[in-house]
Amino acid sequence: MQPVAWWLDKHVRDGKKKLNFSEFLSYPLKRQDHKLEETIEQIQEHEMPLASYLIVHRDAKLSADQIRLLTNWANGLRAGIQAEMQQEAKAAM
């Protein structure tokens, strides 16, 4: 049904405006860190995947192990980004 496809397309475009992993490395480090922080929070609070997505894709519901895996991955990235931000701050002194 075309109206559903339009809604889905708009939803994807809106989501990519907020966070696009294809462009993630072009974000300033502070923004990368903040986006990962938000991602971790949304995953831990079961806000992702979105409820509207789960209606159609019930198998996309994250298990406790998947939540742990994703948050560990994001926290690891954040640690590297934060270390890089500290190095940049020291170099600017």
Protein backbone atom coordinates (compact mmCIF):
# COMPACT_ATOMS: atom_id res chain seq x y z
CA MET A 1 0.00 0.00 0.00
CA GLN A 2 1.52 3.28 -1.11
CA PRO A 3 0.55 5.42 1.93
CA VAL A 4 2.37 2.95 4.19
CA ALA A 5 5.44 3.10 1.94
CA TRP A 6 5.38 6.91 2.07
CA TRP A 7 5.08 6.86 5.86
CA LEU A 8 7.94 4.37 6.14
CA ASP A 9 10.14 6.36 3.76
CA LYS A 10 9.54 9.56 5.75
CA HIS A 11 10.23 7.70 8.99
CA VAL A 12 13.59 6.44 7.66
CA ARG A 13 14.56 9.89 6.35
CA ASP A 14 13.67 11.50 9.69
CA GLY A 15 15.68 8.87 11.54
CA LYS A 16 18.72 9.41 9.34
CA LYS A 17 18.56 13.14 10.07
CA LYS A 18 18.98 12.30 13.75
CA LEU A 19 21.58 9.53 13.37
CA ASN A 20 23.09 8.20 10.17
CA PHE A 21 25.81 5.61 10.72
CA SER A 22 26.88 6.05 7.09
CA GLU A 23 27.92 9.61 8.02
CA PHE A 24 28.81 8.97 11.66
CA LEU A 25 32.58 9.35 11.26
CA SER A 26 32.11 12.79 9.72
CA TYR A 27 30.38 14.01 12.91
CA PRO A 28 32.51 15.99 15.37
CA LEU A 29 33.75 13.76 18.21
CA LYS A 30 31.48 15.41 20.77
CA ARG A 31 28.44 14.69 18.59
CA GLN A 32 29.58 11.09 18.02
CA ASP A 33 29.87 10.61 21.77
CA HIS A 34 26.47 12.16 22.43
CA LYS A 35 24.75 10.09 19.73
CA LEU A 36 26.20 6.89 21.17
CA GLU A 37 25.11 7.95 24.66
CA GLU A 38 21.56 8.46 23.36
CA THR A 39 21.67 5.14 21.52
CA ILE A 40 22.69 3.29 24.68
CA GLU A 41 19.93 4.95 26.67
CA GLN A 42 17.27 4.17 24.06
CA ILE A 43 18.33 0.53 23.81
CA GLN A 44 18.48 0.04 27.58
CA GLU A 45 15.07 1.65 28.05
CA HIS A 46 13.59 -0.57 25.31
CA GLU A 47 12.80 2.47 23.14
CA MET A 48 14.60 0.87 20.21
CA PRO A 49 13.55 -0.70 18.02
CA LEU A 50 10.49 1.49 17.88
CA ALA A 51 7.15 -0.05 18.84
CA SER A 52 5.78 0.87 15.40
CA TYR A 53 8.60 -1.15 13.81
CA LEU A 54 8.00 -4.13 16.08
CA ILE A 55 4.36 -4.32 14.99
CA VAL A 56 5.54 -5.42 11.56
CA HIS A 57 8.85 -7.03 12.57
CA ARG A 58 8.16 -8.91 15.79
CA ASP A 59 11.42 -10.82 15.51
CA ALA A 60 13.34 -7.52 15.83
CA LYS A 61 12.61 -7.32 19.56
CA LEU A 62 15.98 -7.33 21.32
CA SER A 63 16.83 -10.04 23.80
CA ALA A 64 18.74 -9.28 26.99
CA ASP A 65 21.90 -10.69 25.38
CA GLN A 66 21.44 -8.49 22.30
CA ILE A 67 20.89 -5.44 24.48
CA ARG A 68 24.07 -6.23 26.40
CA LEU A 69 26.02 -6.79 23.19
CA LEU A 70 24.85 -3.52 21.61
CA THR A 71 25.45 -1.45 24.73
CA ASN A 72 28.91 -2.98 25.21
CA TRP A 73 29.73 -2.16 21.58
CA ALA A 74 28.50 1.43 21.93
CA ASN A 75 30.27 1.91 25.27
CA GLY A 76 33.50 0.63 23.72
CA LEU A 77 33.19 3.13 20.88
CA ARG A 78 32.42 5.89 23.36
CA ALA A 79 35.54 5.07 25.37
CA GLY A 80 37.68 5.42 22.25
CA ILE A 81 35.98 8.66 21.24
CA GLN A 82 36.35 10.12 24.74
CA ALA A 83 40.05 9.19 24.79
CA GLU A 84 40.49 10.92 21.44
CA MET A 85 38.66 14.02 22.73
CA GLN A 86 40.99 14.11 25.75
CA GLN A 87 44.03 13.86 23.48
CA GLU A 88 42.72 16.70 21.35
CA ALA A 89 42.09 18.82 24.44
CA LYS A 90 45.64 18.19 25.72
CA ALA A 91 47.12 19.02 22.33
CA ALA A 92 45.21 22.31 22.27
CA MET A 93 46.76 23.41 25.59
